[in-house]
PDB file of N, CA and C in Angstrom:
ATOM      1  N   MET A   1      -5.627  -1.277 -10.712  1.00  0.00           N
ATOM      2  CA  MET A   1      -6.213  -0.005 -11.031  1.00  0.00           C
ATOM      3  C   MET A   1      -5.086   1.006 -11.203  1.00  0.00           C
ATOM      4  N   GLN A   2      -5.182   1.808 -12.213  1.00  0.00           N
ATOM      5  CA  GLN A   2      -4.204   2.871 -12.439  1.00  0.00           C
ATOM      6  C   GLN A   2      -4.654   4.139 -11.717  1.00  0.00           C
ATOM      7  N   LEU A   3      -3.751   4.721 -10.947  1.00  0.00           N
ATOM      8  CA  LEU A   3      -4.040   5.985 -10.261  1.00  0.00           C
ATOM      9  C   LEU A   3      -3.022   7.031 -10.689  1.00  0.00           C
ATOM     10  N   GLU A   4      -3.486   8.255 -10.813  1.00  0.00           N
ATOM     11  CA  GLU A   4      -2.582   9.366 -11.085  1.00  0.00           C
ATOM     12  C   GLU A   4      -2.012   9.842  -9.754  1.00  0.00           C
ATOM     13  N   PHE A   5      -0.799  10.371  -9.798  1.00  0.00           N
ATOM     14  CA  PHE A   5      -0.122  10.761  -8.561  1.00  0.00           C
ATOM     15  C   PHE A   5      -0.907  11.793  -7.757  1.00  0.00           C
ATOM     16  N   HIS A   6      -1.629  12.680  -8.430  1.00  0.00           N
ATOM     17  CA  HIS A   6      -2.385  13.711  -7.697  1.00  0.00           C
ATOM     18  C   HIS A   6      -3.543  13.117  -6.892  1.00  0.00           C
ATOM     19  N   GLN A   7      -3.912  11.861  -7.160  1.00  0.00           N
ATOM     20  CA  GLN A   7      -4.980  11.202  -6.413  1.00  0.00           C
ATOM     21  C   GLN A   7      -4.488  10.590  -5.103  1.00  0.00           C
ATOM     22  N   LEU A   8      -3.173  10.565  -4.909  1.00  0.00           N
ATOM     23  CA  LEU A   8      -2.594   9.864  -3.767  1.00  0.00           C
ATOM     24  C   LEU A   8      -2.381  10.782  -2.579  1.00  0.00           C
ATOM     25  N   ASP A   9      -2.817  10.335  -1.423  1.00  0.00           N
ATOM     26  CA  ASP A   9      -2.569  11.015  -0.146  1.00  0.00           C
ATOM     27  C   ASP A   9      -1.339  10.336   0.452  1.00  0.00           C
ATOM     28  N   ARG A  10      -0.252  11.065   0.539  1.00  0.00           N
ATOM     29  CA  ARG A  10       1.019  10.492   1.011  1.00  0.00           C
ATOM     30  C   ARG A  10       1.405  11.040   2.382  1.00  0.00           C
ATOM     31  N   ARG A  11       0.438  11.144   3.256  1.00  0.00           N
ATOM     32  CA  ARG A  11       0.662  11.774   4.565  1.00  0.00           C
ATOM     33  C   ARG A  11       1.689  11.063   5.445  1.00  0.00           C
ATOM     34  N   HIS A  12       1.963   9.792   5.184  1.00  0.00           N
ATOM     35  CA  HIS A  12       2.907   9.043   6.025  1.00  0.00           C
ATOM     36  C   HIS A  12       4.278   8.870   5.383  1.00  0.00           C
ATOM     37  N   GLU A  13       4.516   9.546   4.295  1.00  0.00           N
ATOM     38  CA  GLU A  13       5.778   9.374   3.565  1.00  0.00           C
ATOM     39  C   GLU A  13       6.996   9.713   4.423  1.00  0.00           C
ATOM     40  N   HIS A  14       6.870  10.704   5.277  1.00  0.00           N
ATOM     41  CA  HIS A  14       8.001  11.121   6.123  1.00  0.00           C
ATOM     42  C   HIS A  14       8.398  10.053   7.148  1.00  0.00           C
ATOM     43  N   LEU A  15       7.570   9.062   7.369  1.00  0.00           N
ATOM     44  CA  LEU A  15       7.871   8.003   8.330  1.00  0.00           C
ATOM     45  C   LEU A  15       8.717   6.883   7.734  1.00  0.00           C
ATOM     46  N   ARG A  16       8.860   6.877   6.430  1.00  0.00           N
ATOM     47  CA  ARG A  16       9.576   5.799   5.759  1.00  0.00           C
ATOM     48  C   ARG A  16      11.088   5.956   5.894  1.00  0.00           C
ATOM     49  N   MET A  17      11.770   4.819   6.041  1.00  0.00           N
ATOM     50  CA  MET A  17      13.236   4.820   6.085  1.00  0.00           C
ATOM     51  C   MET A  17      13.761   4.986   4.668  1.00  0.00           C
ATOM     52  N   ARG A  18      14.868   5.697   4.551  1.00  0.00           N
ATOM     53  CA  ARG A  18      15.457   5.924   3.239  1.00  0.00           C
ATOM     54  C   ARG A  18      16.797   5.205   3.124  1.00  0.00           C
ATOM     55  N   ASN A  19      16.983   4.531   1.993  1.00  0.00           N
ATOM     56  CA  ASN A  19      18.236   3.851   1.695  1.00  0.00           C
ATOM     57  C   ASN A  19      18.552   4.179   0.233  1.00  0.00           C
ATOM     58  N   PRO A  20      19.442   5.152   0.001  1.00  0.00           N
ATOM     59  CA  PRO A  20      19.719   5.597  -1.375  1.00  0.00           C
ATOM     60  C   PRO A  20      20.133   4.472  -2.316  1.00  0.00           C
ATOM     61  N   GLN A  21      20.911   3.508  -1.841  1.00  0.00           N
ATOM     62  CA  GLN A  21      21.339   2.414  -2.710  1.00  0.00           C
ATOM     63  C   GLN A  21      20.150   1.564  -3.145  1.00  0.00           C
ATOM     64  N   ARG A  22      19.287   1.224  -2.220  1.00  0.00           N
ATOM     65  CA  ARG A  22      18.102   0.427  -2.569  1.00  0.00           C
ATOM     66  C   ARG A  22      17.168   1.210  -3.491  1.00  0.00           C
ATOM     67  N   GLN A  23      17.078   2.529  -3.286  1.00  0.00           N
ATOM     68  CA  GLN A  23      16.229   3.352  -4.151  1.00  0.00           C
ATOM     69  C   GLN A  23      16.783   3.365  -5.584  1.00  0.00           C
ATOM     70  N   ARG A  24      18.104   3.425  -5.722  1.00  0.00           N
ATOM     71  CA  ARG A  24      18.717   3.371  -7.058  1.00  0.00           C
ATOM     72  C   ARG A  24      18.448   2.021  -7.722  1.00  0.00           C
ATOM     73  N   GLN A  25      18.525   0.945  -6.935  1.00  0.00           N
ATOM     74  CA  GLN A  25      18.240  -0.390  -7.478  1.00  0.00           C
ATOM     75  C   GLN A  25      16.786  -0.490  -7.938  1.00  0.00           C
ATOM     76  N   LEU A  26      15.886   0.053  -7.133  1.00  0.00           N
ATOM     77  CA  LEU A  26      14.469   0.040  -7.500  1.00  0.00           C
ATOM     78  C   LEU A  26      14.244   0.854  -8.772  1.00  0.00           C
ATOM     79  N   LEU A  27      14.874   2.002  -8.847  1.00  0.00           N
ATOM     80  CA  LEU A  27      14.751   2.858 -10.023  1.00  0.00           C
ATOM     81  C   LEU A  27      15.222   2.112 -11.275  1.00  0.00           C
ATOM     82  N   ALA A  28      16.361   1.438 -11.180  1.00  0.00           N
ATOM     83  CA  ALA A  28      16.887   0.672 -12.314  1.00  0.00           C
ATOM     84  C   ALA A  28      15.940  -0.470 -12.692  1.00  0.00           C
ATOM     85  N   SER A  29      15.395  -1.149 -11.704  1.00  0.00           N
ATOM     86  CA  SER A  29      14.480  -2.252 -11.955  1.00  0.00           C
ATOM     87  C   SER A  29      13.202  -1.763 -12.640  1.00  0.00           C
ATOM     88  N   LEU A  30      12.649  -0.667 -12.148  1.00  0.00           N
ATOM     89  CA  LEU A  30      11.428  -0.121 -12.756  1.00  0.00           C
ATOM     90  C   LEU A  30      11.689   0.372 -14.172  1.00  0.00           C
ATOM     91  N   ALA A  31      12.861   0.942 -14.399  1.00  0.00           N
ATOM     92  CA  ALA A  31      13.208   1.410 -15.740  1.00  0.00           C
ATOM     93  C   ALA A  31      13.323   0.230 -16.709  1.00  0.00           C
ATOM     94  N   ALA A  32      13.886  -0.871 -16.232  1.00  0.00           N
ATOM     95  CA  ALA A  32      14.110  -2.037 -17.091  1.00  0.00           C
ATOM     96  C   ALA A  32      12.861  -2.894 -17.280  1.00  0.00           C
ATOM     97  N   SER A  33      12.107  -3.094 -16.210  1.00  0.00           N
ATOM     98  CA  SER A  33      11.011  -4.070 -16.240  1.00  0.00           C
ATOM     99  C   SER A  33       9.627  -3.491 -16.022  1.00  0.00           C
ATOM    100  N   GLY A  34       9.546  -2.233 -15.652  1.00  0.00           N
ATOM    101  CA  GLY A  34       8.247  -1.648 -15.335  1.00  0.00           C
ATOM    102  C   GLY A  34       7.809  -2.032 -13.931  1.00  0.00           C
ATOM    103  N   GLN A  35       6.673  -1.533 -13.531  1.00  0.00           N
ATOM    104  CA  GLN A  35       6.155  -1.800 -12.195  1.00  0.00           C
ATOM    105  C   GLN A  35       5.597  -3.215 -12.138  1.00  0.00           C
ATOM    106  N   GLN A  36       6.137  -4.039 -11.273  1.00  0.00           N
ATOM    107  CA  GLN A  36       5.708  -5.427 -11.132  1.00  0.00           C
ATOM    108  C   GLN A  36       4.738  -5.622  -9.969  1.00  0.00           C
ATOM    109  N   THR A  37       4.861  -4.789  -8.951  1.00  0.00           N
ATOM    110  CA  THR A  37       4.049  -4.932  -7.747  1.00  0.00           C
ATOM    111  C   THR A  37       3.241  -3.654  -7.537  1.00  0.00           C
ATOM    112  N   PRO A  38       1.922  -3.779  -7.403  1.00  0.00           N
ATOM    113  CA  PRO A  38       1.123  -2.575  -7.192  1.00  0.00           C
ATOM    114  C   PRO A  38       1.355  -1.990  -5.805  1.00  0.00           C
ATOM    115  N   ILE A  39       1.134  -0.693  -5.689  1.00  0.00           N
ATOM    116  CA  ILE A  39       1.151  -0.079  -4.366  1.00  0.00           C
ATOM    117  C   ILE A  39      -0.160  -0.453  -3.684  1.00  0.00           C
ATOM    118  N   VAL A  40      -0.212  -0.294  -2.367  1.00  0.00           N
ATOM    119  CA  VAL A  40      -1.422  -0.596  -1.598  1.00  0.00           C
ATOM    120  C   VAL A  40      -2.013   0.719  -1.105  1.00  0.00           C
ATOM    121  N   VAL A  41      -3.300   0.905  -1.355  1.00  0.00           N
ATOM    122  CA  VAL A  41      -3.994   2.114  -0.930  1.00  0.00           C
ATOM    123  C   VAL A  41      -5.339   1.743  -0.317  1.00  0.00           C
ATOM    124  N   VAL A  42      -5.884   2.681   0.435  1.00  0.00           N
ATOM    125  CA  VAL A  42      -7.269   2.596   0.903  1.00  0.00           C
ATOM    126  C   VAL A  42      -7.944   3.899   0.499  1.00  0.00           C
ATOM    127  N   THR A  43      -9.248   3.863   0.381  1.00  0.00           N
ATOM    128  CA  THR A  43      -9.957   5.085   0.013  1.00  0.00           C
ATOM    129  C   THR A  43      -9.956   6.055   1.185  1.00  0.00           C
ATOM    130  N   VAL A  44      -9.940   7.339   0.872  1.00  0.00           N
ATOM    131  CA  VAL A  44     -10.051   8.382   1.885  1.00  0.00           C
ATOM    132  C   VAL A  44     -11.539   8.712   1.958  1.00  0.00           C
ATOM    133  N   SER A  45     -12.171   8.317   3.059  1.00  0.00           N
ATOM    134  CA  SER A  45     -13.634   8.352   3.139  1.00  0.00           C
ATOM    135  C   SER A  45     -14.237   9.735   2.930  1.00  0.00           C
ATOM    136  N   ASP A  46     -13.575  10.767   3.394  1.00  0.00           N
ATOM    137  CA  ASP A  46     -14.168  12.103   3.285  1.00  0.00           C
ATOM    138  C   ASP A  46     -13.682  12.878   2.052  1.00  0.00           C
ATOM    139  N   ARG A  47     -12.927  12.211   1.167  1.00  0.00           N
ATOM    140  CA  ARG A  47     -12.411  12.874  -0.037  1.00  0.00           C
ATOM    141  C   ARG A  47     -12.553  11.934  -1.232  1.00  0.00           C
ATOM    142  N   PRO A  48     -13.674  11.974  -1.916  1.00  0.00           N
ATOM    143  CA  PRO A  48     -13.888  11.086  -3.069  1.00  0.00           C
ATOM    144  C   PRO A  48     -12.765  11.240  -4.111  1.00  0.00           C
ATOM    145  N   GLY A  49     -12.331  10.103  -4.646  1.00  0.00           N
ATOM    146  CA  GLY A  49     -11.295  10.122  -5.658  1.00  0.00           C
ATOM    147  C   GLY A  49      -9.878  10.223  -5.115  1.00  0.00           C
ATOM    148  N   ARG A  50      -9.750  10.203  -3.775  1.00  0.00           N
ATOM    149  CA  ARG A  50      -8.424  10.252  -3.141  1.00  0.00           C
ATOM    150  C   ARG A  50      -8.151   8.916  -2.476  1.00  0.00           C
ATOM    151  N   TYR A  51      -6.862   8.529  -2.468  1.00  0.00           N
ATOM    152  CA  TYR A  51      -6.452   7.243  -1.924  1.00  0.00           C
ATOM    153  C   TYR A  51      -5.249   7.437  -1.023  1.00  0.00           C
ATOM    154  N   LEU A  52      -5.318   6.892   0.176  1.00  0.00           N
ATOM    155  CA  LEU A  52      -4.225   6.968   1.133  1.00  0.00           C
ATOM    156  C   LEU A  52      -3.247   5.831   0.859  1.00  0.00           C
ATOM    157  N   VAL A  53      -1.982   6.182   0.679  1.00  0.00           N
ATOM    158  CA  VAL A  53      -0.964   5.173   0.402  1.00  0.00           C
ATOM    159  C   VAL A  53      -0.606   4.451   1.694  1.00  0.00           C
ATOM    160  N   ILE A  54      -0.715   3.138   1.676  1.00  0.00           N
ATOM    161  CA  ILE A  54      -0.341   2.290   2.804  1.00  0.00           C
ATOM    162  C   ILE A  54       1.050   1.718   2.568  1.00  0.00           C
ATOM    163  N   ASP A  55       1.305   1.270   1.349  1.00  0.00           N
ATOM    164  CA  ASP A  55       2.600   0.681   0.995  1.00  0.00           C
ATOM    165  C   ASP A  55       2.926   1.047  -0.443  1.00  0.00           C
ATOM    166  N   GLY A  56       4.181   1.470  -0.678  1.00  0.00           N
ATOM    167  CA  GLY A  56       4.597   1.755  -2.045  1.00  0.00           C
ATOM    168  C   GLY A  56       5.206   3.130  -2.256  1.00  0.00           C
ATOM    169  N   TYR A  57       5.560   3.806  -1.181  1.00  0.00           N
ATOM    170  CA  TYR A  57       6.112   5.156  -1.300  1.00  0.00           C
ATOM    171  C   TYR A  57       7.370   5.194  -2.167  1.00  0.00           C
ATOM    172  N   LYS A  58       8.219   4.196  -2.034  1.00  0.00           N
ATOM    173  CA  LYS A  58       9.473   4.176  -2.808  1.00  0.00           C
ATOM    174  C   LYS A  58       9.195   3.930  -4.287  1.00  0.00           C
ATOM    175  N   ARG A  59       8.227   3.079  -4.578  1.00  0.00           N
ATOM    176  CA  ARG A  59       7.851   2.856  -5.979  1.00  0.00           C
ATOM    177  C   ARG A  59       7.291   4.120  -6.604  1.00  0.00           C
ATOM    178  N   ILE A  60       6.484   4.847  -5.840  1.00  0.00           N
ATOM    179  CA  ILE A  60       5.921   6.106  -6.340  1.00  0.00           C
ATOM    180  C   ILE A  60       7.045   7.085  -6.670  1.00  0.00           C
ATOM    181  N   ALA A  61       7.981   7.243  -5.747  1.00  0.00           N
ATOM    182  CA  ALA A  61       9.093   8.182  -5.960  1.00  0.00           C
ATOM    183  C   ALA A  61       9.903   7.785  -7.192  1.00  0.00           C
ATOM    184  N   ALA A  62      10.181   6.499  -7.348  1.00  0.00           N
ATOM    185  CA  ALA A  62      10.967   6.032  -8.484  1.00  0.00           C
ATOM    186  C   ALA A  62      10.206   6.244  -9.800  1.00  0.00           C
ATOM    187  N   LEU A  63       8.924   5.948  -9.802  1.00  0.00           N
ATOM    188  CA  LEU A  63       8.129   6.146 -11.011  1.00  0.00           C
ATOM    189  C   LEU A  63       8.064   7.626 -11.389  1.00  0.00           C
ATOM    190  N   GLN A  64       7.971   8.495 -10.402  1.00  0.00           N
ATOM    191  CA  GLN A  64       7.984   9.926 -10.678  1.00  0.00           C
ATOM    192  C   GLN A  64       9.330  10.343 -11.275  1.00  0.00           C
ATOM    193  N   GLN A  65      10.423   9.800 -10.738  1.00  0.00           N
ATOM    194  CA  GLN A  65      11.747  10.111 -11.279  1.00  0.00           C
ATOM    195  C   GLN A  65      11.861   9.660 -12.731  1.00  0.00           C
ATOM    196  N   LEU A  66      11.161   8.602 -13.074  1.00  0.00           N
ATOM    197  CA  LEU A  66      11.181   8.096 -14.448  1.00  0.00           C
ATOM    198  C   LEU A  66      10.225   8.856 -15.363  1.00  0.00           C
ATOM    199  N   GLY A  67       9.523   9.829 -14.806  1.00  0.00           N
ATOM    200  CA  GLY A  67       8.623  10.650 -15.610  1.00  0.00           C
ATOM    201  C   GLY A  67       7.257  10.048 -15.866  1.00  0.00           C
ATOM    202  N   ARG A  68       6.890   9.053 -15.097  1.00  0.00           N
ATOM    203  CA  ARG A  68       5.571   8.434 -15.250  1.00  0.00           C
ATOM    204  C   ARG A  68       4.510   9.316 -14.601  1.00  0.00           C
ATOM    205  N   ASP A  69       3.275   9.158 -15.065  1.00  0.00           N
ATOM    206  CA  ASP A  69       2.151   9.934 -14.542  1.00  0.00           C
ATOM    207  C   ASP A  69       1.215   9.121 -13.666  1.00  0.00           C
ATOM    208  N   THR A  70       1.347   7.794 -13.754  1.00  0.00           N
ATOM    209  CA  THR A  70       0.424   6.919 -13.025  1.00  0.00           C
ATOM    210  C   THR A  70       1.181   5.799 -12.344  1.00  0.00           C
ATOM    211  N   VAL A  71       0.476   5.148 -11.426  1.00  0.00           N
ATOM    212  CA  VAL A  71       1.021   4.016 -10.697  1.00  0.00           C
ATOM    213  C   VAL A  71      -0.072   2.948 -10.614  1.00  0.00           C
ATOM    214  N   GLU A  72       0.330   1.700 -10.717  1.00  0.00           N
ATOM    215  CA  GLU A  72      -0.611   0.591 -10.550  1.00  0.00           C
ATOM    216  C   GLU A  72      -0.855   0.408  -9.057  1.00  0.00           C
ATOM    217  N   ALA A  73      -2.122   0.306  -8.670  1.00  0.00           N
ATOM    218  CA  ALA A  73      -2.470   0.222  -7.243  1.00  0.00           C
ATOM    219  C   ALA A  73      -3.537  -0.836  -7.023  1.00  0.00           C
ATOM    220  N   VAL A  74      -3.536  -1.373  -5.815  1.00  0.00           N
ATOM    221  CA  VAL A  74      -4.609  -2.251  -5.374  1.00  0.00           C
ATOM    222  C   VAL A  74      -5.263  -1.541  -4.186  1.00  0.00           C
ATOM    223  N   VAL A  75      -6.592  -1.481  -4.211  1.00  0.00           N
ATOM    224  CA  VAL A  75      -7.345  -0.823  -3.141  1.00  0.00           C
ATOM    225  C   VAL A  75      -7.816  -1.888  -2.166  1.00  0.00           C
ATOM    226  N   TRP A  76      -7.332  -1.800  -0.935  1.00  0.00           N
ATOM    227  CA  TRP A  76      -7.778  -2.732   0.091  1.00  0.00           C
ATOM    228  C   TRP A  76      -9.102  -2.226   0.655  1.00  0.00           C
ATOM    229  N   PRO A  77     -10.108  -3.101   0.790  1.00  0.00           N
ATOM    230  CA  PRO A  77     -11.448  -2.704   1.239  1.00  0.00           C
ATOM    231  C   PRO A  77     -11.552  -2.603   2.764  1.00  0.00           C
ATOM    232  N   MET A  78     -10.837  -1.649   3.332  1.00  0.00           N
ATOM    233  CA  MET A  78     -10.823  -1.469   4.787  1.00  0.00           C
ATOM    234  C   MET A  78     -10.374  -0.060   5.086  1.00  0.00           C
ATOM    235  N   ASN A  79     -10.363   0.290   6.362  1.00  0.00           N
ATOM    236  CA  ASN A  79      -9.901   1.623   6.730  1.00  0.00           C
ATOM    237  C   ASN A  79      -8.383   1.629   6.938  1.00  0.00           C
ATOM    238  N   GLU A  80      -7.855   2.808   7.213  1.00  0.00           N
ATOM    239  CA  GLU A  80      -6.409   2.986   7.348  1.00  0.00           C
ATOM    240  C   GLU A  80      -5.797   2.113   8.439  1.00  0.00           C
ATOM    241  N   VAL A  81      -6.396   2.085   9.611  1.00  0.00           N
ATOM    242  CA  VAL A  81      -5.847   1.317  10.731  1.00  0.00           C
ATOM    243  C   VAL A  81      -5.820  -0.170  10.395  1.00  0.00           C
ATOM    244  N   GLN A  82      -6.906  -0.674   9.839  1.00  0.00           N
ATOM    245  CA  GLN A  82      -6.967  -2.082   9.464  1.00  0.00           C
ATOM    246  C   GLN A  82      -5.895  -2.421   8.421  1.00  0.00           C
ATOM    247  N   ALA A  83      -5.698  -1.531   7.465  1.00  0.00           N
ATOM    248  CA  ALA A  83      -4.719  -1.781   6.403  1.00  0.00           C
ATOM    249  C   ALA A  83      -3.302  -1.806   6.957  1.00  0.00           C
ATOM    250  N   VAL A  84      -2.987  -0.886   7.864  1.00  0.00           N
ATOM    251  CA  VAL A  84      -1.646  -0.880   8.462  1.00  0.00           C
ATOM    252  C   VAL A  84      -1.440  -2.142   9.276  1.00  0.00           C
ATOM    253  N   GLN A  85      -2.445  -2.559  10.035  1.00  0.00           N
ATOM    254  CA  GLN A  85      -2.328  -3.793  10.805  1.00  0.00           C
ATOM    255  C   GLN A  85      -2.140  -4.990   9.877  1.00  0.00           C
ATOM    256  N   ALA A  86      -2.868  -5.027   8.788  1.00  0.00           N
ATOM    257  CA  ALA A  86      -2.734  -6.129   7.842  1.00  0.00           C
ATOM    258  C   ALA A  86      -1.344  -6.152   7.223  1.00  0.00           C
ATOM    259  N   LEU A  87      -0.809  -4.991   6.921  1.00  0.00           N
ATOM    260  CA  LEU A  87       0.530  -4.922   6.349  1.00  0.00           C
ATOM    261  C   LEU A  87       1.568  -5.412   7.340  1.00  0.00           C
ATOM    262  N   VAL A  88       1.411  -5.062   8.618  1.00  0.00           N
ATOM    263  CA  VAL A  88       2.334  -5.530   9.655  1.00  0.00           C
ATOM    264  C   VAL A  88       2.251  -7.037   9.792  1.00  0.00           C
ATOM    265  N   LEU A  89       1.062  -7.587   9.698  1.00  0.00           N
ATOM    266  CA  LEU A  89       0.887  -9.037   9.796  1.00  0.00           C
ATOM    267  C   LEU A  89       1.513  -9.764   8.618  1.00  0.00           C
ATOM    268  N   ASP A  90       1.650  -9.092   7.500  1.00  0.00           N
ATOM    269  CA  ASP A  90       2.175  -9.708   6.288  1.00  0.00           C
ATOM    270  C   ASP A  90       3.698  -9.658   6.285  1.00  0.00           C
ATOM    271  N   VAL A  91       4.322 -10.428   7.135  1.00  0.00           N
ATOM    272  CA  VAL A  91       5.779 -10.374   7.315  1.00  0.00           C
ATOM    273  C   VAL A  91       6.543 -10.930   6.119  1.00  0.00           C
ATOM    274  N   ARG A  92       5.900 -11.690   5.265  1.00  0.00           N
ATOM    275  CA  ARG A  92       6.579 -12.242   4.091  1.00  0.00           C
ATOM    276  C   ARG A  92       6.510 -11.316   2.898  1.00  0.00           C
ATOM    277  N   GLY A  93       5.795 -10.200   2.990  1.00  0.00           N
ATOM    278  CA  GLY A  93       5.737  -9.241   1.908  1.00  0.00           C
ATOM    279  C   GLY A  93       4.790  -9.603   0.777  1.00  0.00           C
ATOM    280  N   GLU A  94       3.951 -10.607   0.977  1.00  0.00           N
ATOM    281  CA  GLU A  94       3.016 -10.964  -0.085  1.00  0.00           C
ATOM    282  C   GLU A  94       1.679 -10.273   0.162  1.00  0.00           C
ATOM    283  N   LEU A  95       1.017  -9.895  -0.897  1.00  0.00           N
ATOM    284  CA  LEU A  95      -0.300  -9.278  -0.761  1.00  0.00           C
ATOM    285  C   LEU A  95      -1.326 -10.393  -0.629  1.00  0.00           C
ATOM    286  N   TRP A  96      -2.200 -10.255   0.334  1.00  0.00           N
ATOM    287  CA  TRP A  96      -3.230 -11.263   0.542  1.00  0.00           C
ATOM    288  C   TRP A  96      -4.432 -10.934  -0.308  1.00  0.00           C
ATOM    289  N   ASN A  97      -5.098 -11.971  -0.763  1.00  0.00           N
ATOM    290  CA  ASN A  97      -6.380 -11.682  -1.385  1.00  0.00           C
ATOM    291  C   ASN A  97      -7.374 -11.440  -0.251  1.00  0.00           C
ATOM    292  N   SER A  98      -8.524 -10.969  -0.562  1.00  0.00           N
ATOM    293  CA  SER A  98      -9.481 -10.567   0.477  1.00  0.00           C
ATOM    294  C   SER A  98      -9.825 -11.699   1.437  1.00  0.00           C
ATOM    295  N   LEU A  99      -9.981 -12.917   0.935  1.00  0.00           N
ATOM    296  CA  LEU A  99     -10.341 -14.031   1.815  1.00  0.00           C
ATOM    297  C   LEU A  99      -9.207 -14.368   2.773  1.00  0.00           C
ATOM    298  N   ASN A 100      -7.987 -14.459   2.269  1.00  0.00           N
ATOM    299  CA  ASN A 100      -6.856 -14.748   3.142  1.00  0.00           C
ATOM    300  C   ASN A 100      -6.675 -13.646   4.170  1.00  0.00           C
ATOM    301  N   LEU A 101      -6.806 -12.410   3.748  1.00  0.00           N
ATOM    302  CA  LEU A 101      -6.652 -11.284   4.658  1.00  0.00           C
ATOM    303  C   LEU A 101      -7.685 -11.364   5.772  1.00  0.00           C
ATOM    304  N   ASN A 102      -8.922 -11.631   5.401  1.00  0.00           N
ATOM    305  CA  ASN A 102      -9.982 -11.718   6.396  1.00  0.00           C
ATOM    306  C   ASN A 102      -9.699 -12.842   7.385  1.00  0.00           C
ATOM    307  N   GLU A 103      -9.248 -14.002   6.891  1.00  0.00           N
ATOM    308  CA  GLU A 103      -8.940 -15.124   7.783  1.00  0.00           C
ATOM    309  C   GLU A 103      -7.777 -14.789   8.715  1.00  0.00           C
ATOM    310  N   LYS A 104      -6.742 -14.173   8.199  1.00  0.00           N
ATOM    311  CA  LYS A 104      -5.600 -13.836   9.042  1.00  0.00           C
ATOM    312  C   LYS A 104      -5.994 -12.817  10.110  1.00  0.00           C
ATOM    313  N   LEU A 105      -6.830 -11.857   9.745  1.00  0.00           N
ATOM    314  CA  LEU A 105      -7.266 -10.877  10.736  1.00  0.00           C
ATOM    315  C   LEU A 105      -8.144 -11.532  11.799  1.00  0.00           C
ATOM    316  N   LYS A 106      -8.998 -12.468  11.396  1.00  0.00           N
ATOM    317  CA  LYS A 106      -9.868 -13.151  12.351  1.00  0.00           C
ATOM    318  C   LYS A 106      -9.060 -13.944  13.370  1.00  0.00           C
ATOM    319  N   THR A 107      -7.978 -14.553  12.913  1.00  0.00           N
ATOM    320  CA  THR A 107      -7.214 -15.421  13.796  1.00  0.00           C
ATOM    321  C   THR A 107      -6.084 -14.705  14.520  1.00  0.00           C
ATOM    322  N   SER A 108      -5.872 -13.459  14.237  1.00  0.00           N
ATOM    323  CA  SER A 108      -4.754 -12.742  14.840  1.00  0.00           C
ATOM    324  C   SER A 108      -5.197 -11.970  16.077  1.00  0.00           C
ATOM    325  N   HIS A 109      -5.341 -12.659  17.186  1.00  0.00           N
ATOM    326  CA  HIS A 109      -5.756 -12.007  18.431  1.00  0.00           C
ATOM    327  C   HIS A 109      -4.694 -11.037  18.927  1.00  0.00           C
ATOM    328  N   ARG A 110      -3.451 -11.292  18.575  1.00  0.00           N
ATOM    329  CA  ARG A 110      -2.349 -10.417  18.992  1.00  0.00           C
ATOM    330  C   ARG A 110      -2.570  -8.980  18.516  1.00  0.00           C
ATOM    331  N   PHE A 111      -3.197  -8.840  17.338  1.00  0.00           N
ATOM    332  CA  PHE A 111      -3.444  -7.513  16.786  1.00  0.00           C
ATOM    333  C   PHE A 111      -4.923  -7.150  16.841  1.00  0.00           C
ATOM    334  N   GLY A 112      -5.667  -7.816  17.685  1.00  0.00           N
ATOM    335  CA  GLY A 112      -7.080  -7.482  17.834  1.00  0.00           C
ATOM    336  C   GLY A 112      -7.933  -7.956  16.665  1.00  0.00           C
ATOM    337  N   GLY A 113      -7.562  -9.066  16.072  1.00  0.00           N
ATOM    338  CA  GLY A 113      -8.209  -9.568  14.870  1.00  0.00           C
ATOM    339  C   GLY A 113      -9.717  -9.610  14.867  1.00  0.00           C
ATOM    340  N   PRO A 114     -10.348 -10.300  15.811  1.00  0.00           N
ATOM    341  CA  PRO A 114     -11.801 -10.404  15.749  1.00  0.00           C
ATOM    342  C   PRO A 114     -12.491  -9.038  15.778  1.00  0.00           C
ATOM    343  N   ALA A 115     -11.991  -8.129  16.567  1.00  0.00           N
ATOM    344  CA  ALA A 115     -12.607  -6.807  16.633  1.00  0.00           C
ATOM    345  C   ALA A 115     -12.462  -6.076  15.302  1.00  0.00           C
ATOM    346  N   ILE A 116     -11.328  -6.235  14.649  1.00  0.00           N
ATOM    347  CA  ILE A 116     -11.110  -5.588  13.358  1.00  0.00           C
ATOM    348  C   ILE A 116     -12.127  -6.082  12.344  1.00  0.00           C
ATOM    349  N   CYS A 117     -12.309  -7.400  12.289  1.00  0.00           N
ATOM    350  CA  CYS A 117     -13.217  -7.967  11.300  1.00  0.00           C
ATOM    351  C   CYS A 117     -14.665  -7.553  11.562  1.00  0.00           C
ATOM    352  N   GLN A 118     -15.038  -7.454  12.824  1.00  0.00           N
ATOM    353  CA  GLN A 118     -16.394  -7.044  13.144  1.00  0.00           C
ATOM    354  C   GLN A 118     -16.627  -5.595  12.739  1.00  0.00           C
ATOM    355  N   LYS A 119     -15.624  -4.728  12.932  1.00  0.00           N
ATOM    356  CA  LYS A 119     -15.766  -3.319  12.581  1.00  0.00           C
ATOM    357  C   LYS A 119     -15.883  -3.126  11.083  1.00  0.00           C
ATOM    358  N   SER A 120     -15.256  -4.003  10.292  1.00  0.00           N
ATOM    359  CA  SER A 120     -15.261  -3.806   8.847  1.00  0.00           C
ATOM    360  C   SER A 120     -16.539  -4.281   8.177  1.00  0.00           C
ATOM    361  N   ARG A 121     -17.412  -4.926   8.908  1.00  0.00           N
ATOM    362  CA  ARG A 121     -18.672  -5.434   8.315  1.00  0.00           C
ATOM    363  C   ARG A 121     -19.702  -4.357   8.195  1.00  0.00           C
TER     364      ARG A 121
END
């Protein structure tokens, strides 16, 4: 899904670590190849048409530097807490499809998996 930057809630951007060299590399990669990996967002329940960024702050910044108006995004069907927990569980950096994500959350007692899955139903 394509989202315009004004639709993004970036309230956690200040928590991200900054590495100028890696940001320059990302900028060069996006300029050469375009966006290959979508950012991860969840809907903001009390603000229709707004999306909270879970992952992808650096891609957003680089795309803005390149003068782009939109970013490719995937909307995870869960709330903010569940999405952050899912991202932490994804140590290999791959995006899970909904079925894999649900299974990993169910089996992850360390992060309260069963309770998370029950709340999302």
